[in-house]
């Protein structure tokens, strides 16, 4: 086995997130200059600015749940804190804990200000 196949197997088993762009580049599938999608802890997705496609890149979020997040955002006038994700049908505590390091709300992540305010 090549080192990339072994790396891929390790990442799948450990449930690591945000690795698809890295694996694509390793396999030579990524195009030069193409934007990388998917959230990482270093670059979380803003729940108040995310598109359905952005949300679907999150682990465990499909098209239906992404649409529910967008509907909740519209009805609530935006997310004030990331914990509000648990108000969306289909996102329980377990899902929320998996998503928590990957999302932010208006320049804040996990309650810690990033220094940028919209």
Protein backbone atom coordinates (compact mmCIF):
# COMPACT_ATOMS: atom_id res chain seq x y z
CA UNK A 1 0.00 0.00 0.00
CA UNK A 2 1.10 3.50 -0.67
CA UNK A 3 1.50 5.97 2.14
CA UNK A 4 -1.53 7.93 0.85
CA UNK A 5 -3.84 4.93 1.07
CA UNK A 6 -2.64 4.21 4.60
CA UNK A 7 -3.11 7.88 5.54
CA UNK A 8 -6.62 7.82 4.10
CA UNK A 9 -7.49 4.70 6.09
CA UNK A 10 -6.18 6.25 9.31
CA UNK A 11 -8.19 9.44 8.71
CA UNK A 12 -11.36 7.51 8.01
CA UNK A 13 -10.97 5.36 11.12
CA UNK A 14 -10.21 8.32 13.40
CA UNK A 15 -13.04 10.41 11.95
CA UNK A 16 -10.81 13.37 11.13
CA UNK A 17 -12.50 16.22 9.33
CA UNK A 18 -11.37 18.74 6.76
CA UNK A 19 -8.94 16.37 5.08
CA UNK A 20 -10.64 15.85 1.73
CA UNK A 21 -8.79 18.75 0.04
CA UNK A 22 -5.47 17.45 1.36
CA UNK A 23 -6.16 13.93 0.13
CA UNK A 24 -7.23 15.24 -3.26
CA UNK A 25 -3.98 17.19 -3.57
CA UNK A 26 -1.97 14.17 -2.48
CA UNK A 27 -3.67 12.06 -5.11
CA UNK A 28 -3.10 14.74 -7.74
CA UNK A 29 -6.82 15.33 -8.20
CA UNK A 30 -6.96 18.95 -7.07
CA UNK A 31 -6.62 21.63 -9.71
CA UNK A 32 -4.10 24.39 -9.19
CA UNK A 33 -5.77 27.51 -7.85
CA UNK A 34 -9.09 25.83 -7.06
CA UNK A 35 -10.60 26.89 -3.75
CA UNK A 36 -10.66 24.36 -0.97
CA UNK A 37 -14.05 23.71 0.55
CA UNK A 38 -14.93 22.26 3.91
CA UNK A 39 -14.41 23.58 7.37
CA UNK A 40 -11.44 23.03 9.60
CA UNK A 41 -10.90 24.13 13.17
CA UNK A 42 -8.50 26.78 11.81
CA UNK A 43 -11.07 28.06 9.30
CA UNK A 44 -14.58 27.53 10.69
CA UNK A 45 -17.76 28.19 8.72
CA UNK A 46 -19.80 31.23 9.79
CA UNK A 47 -23.35 29.99 10.36
CA UNK A 48 -24.73 33.44 9.49
CA UNK A 49 -22.96 33.63 6.13
CA UNK A 50 -22.84 29.98 5.04
CA UNK A 51 -24.58 28.72 1.93
CA UNK A 52 -26.32 25.36 1.75
CA UNK A 53 -23.25 24.02 -0.04
CA UNK A 54 -20.96 25.27 2.74
CA UNK A 55 -23.13 23.59 5.35
CA UNK A 56 -23.26 20.31 3.43
CA UNK A 57 -19.45 20.20 3.62
CA UNK A 58 -19.76 19.76 7.39
CA UNK A 59 -19.67 16.20 8.73
CA UNK A 60 -23.13 14.67 9.11
CA UNK A 61 -24.92 17.57 7.40
CA UNK A 62 -26.87 16.61 4.31
CA UNK A 63 -29.05 18.67 2.00
CA UNK A 64 -32.13 18.46 4.27
CA UNK A 65 -30.32 19.49 7.43
CA UNK A 66 -28.50 22.28 5.60
CA UNK A 67 -31.86 23.61 4.42
CA UNK A 68 -33.23 23.41 7.98
CA UNK A 69 -30.22 25.40 9.24
CA UNK A 70 -30.86 28.09 6.62
CA UNK A 71 -34.57 28.19 7.51
CA UNK A 72 -33.78 28.49 11.22
CA UNK A 73 -31.29 31.28 10.49
CA UNK A 74 -33.90 33.20 8.52
CA UNK A 75 -36.71 32.74 11.08
CA UNK A 76 -34.48 33.57 14.07
CA UNK A 77 -32.83 36.54 12.38
CA UNK A 78 -29.45 34.82 12.46
CA UNK A 79 -27.50 32.76 14.95
CA UNK A 80 -26.34 34.55 18.09
CA UNK A 81 -24.35 31.59 19.42
CA UNK A 82 -23.32 28.25 17.95
CA UNK A 83 -25.31 26.33 20.55
CA UNK A 84 -28.46 27.41 18.70
CA UNK A 85 -27.62 24.71 16.15
CA UNK A 86 -29.23 22.26 18.57
CA UNK A 87 -32.55 24.08 17.93
CA UNK A 88 -32.44 22.74 14.36
CA UNK A 89 -34.27 19.46 13.85
CA UNK A 90 -31.76 16.71 13.17
CA UNK A 91 -28.93 18.24 15.19
CA UNK A 92 -28.67 16.84 18.69
CA UNK A 93 -25.98 17.18 21.29
CA UNK A 94 -23.77 14.51 19.72
CA UNK A 95 -23.91 16.15 16.29
CA UNK A 96 -23.39 19.57 17.83
CA UNK A 97 -20.25 18.46 19.67
CA UNK A 98 -18.82 17.15 16.39
CA UNK A 99 -19.66 20.44 14.62
CA UNK A 100 -18.66 22.83 17.41
CA UNK A 101 -15.00 23.31 16.41
CA UNK A 102 -15.99 23.71 12.75
CA UNK A 103 -18.49 26.55 13.02
CA UNK A 104 -18.55 30.15 14.16
CA UNK A 105 -21.09 32.94 14.54
CA UNK A 106 -20.20 36.46 13.46
CA UNK A 107 -16.47 36.41 14.15
CA UNK A 108 -16.69 34.28 17.28
CA UNK A 109 -15.90 30.62 17.65
CA UNK A 110 -16.71 28.54 20.70
CA UNK A 111 -17.30 31.75 22.68
CA UNK A 112 -13.79 33.09 22.01
CA UNK A 113 -13.53 36.31 20.03
CA UNK A 114 -11.31 36.12 16.98
CA UNK A 115 -10.75 39.85 16.94
CA UNK A 116 -12.88 40.39 13.83
CA UNK A 117 -16.37 41.68 14.29
CA UNK A 118 -18.70 41.93 11.28
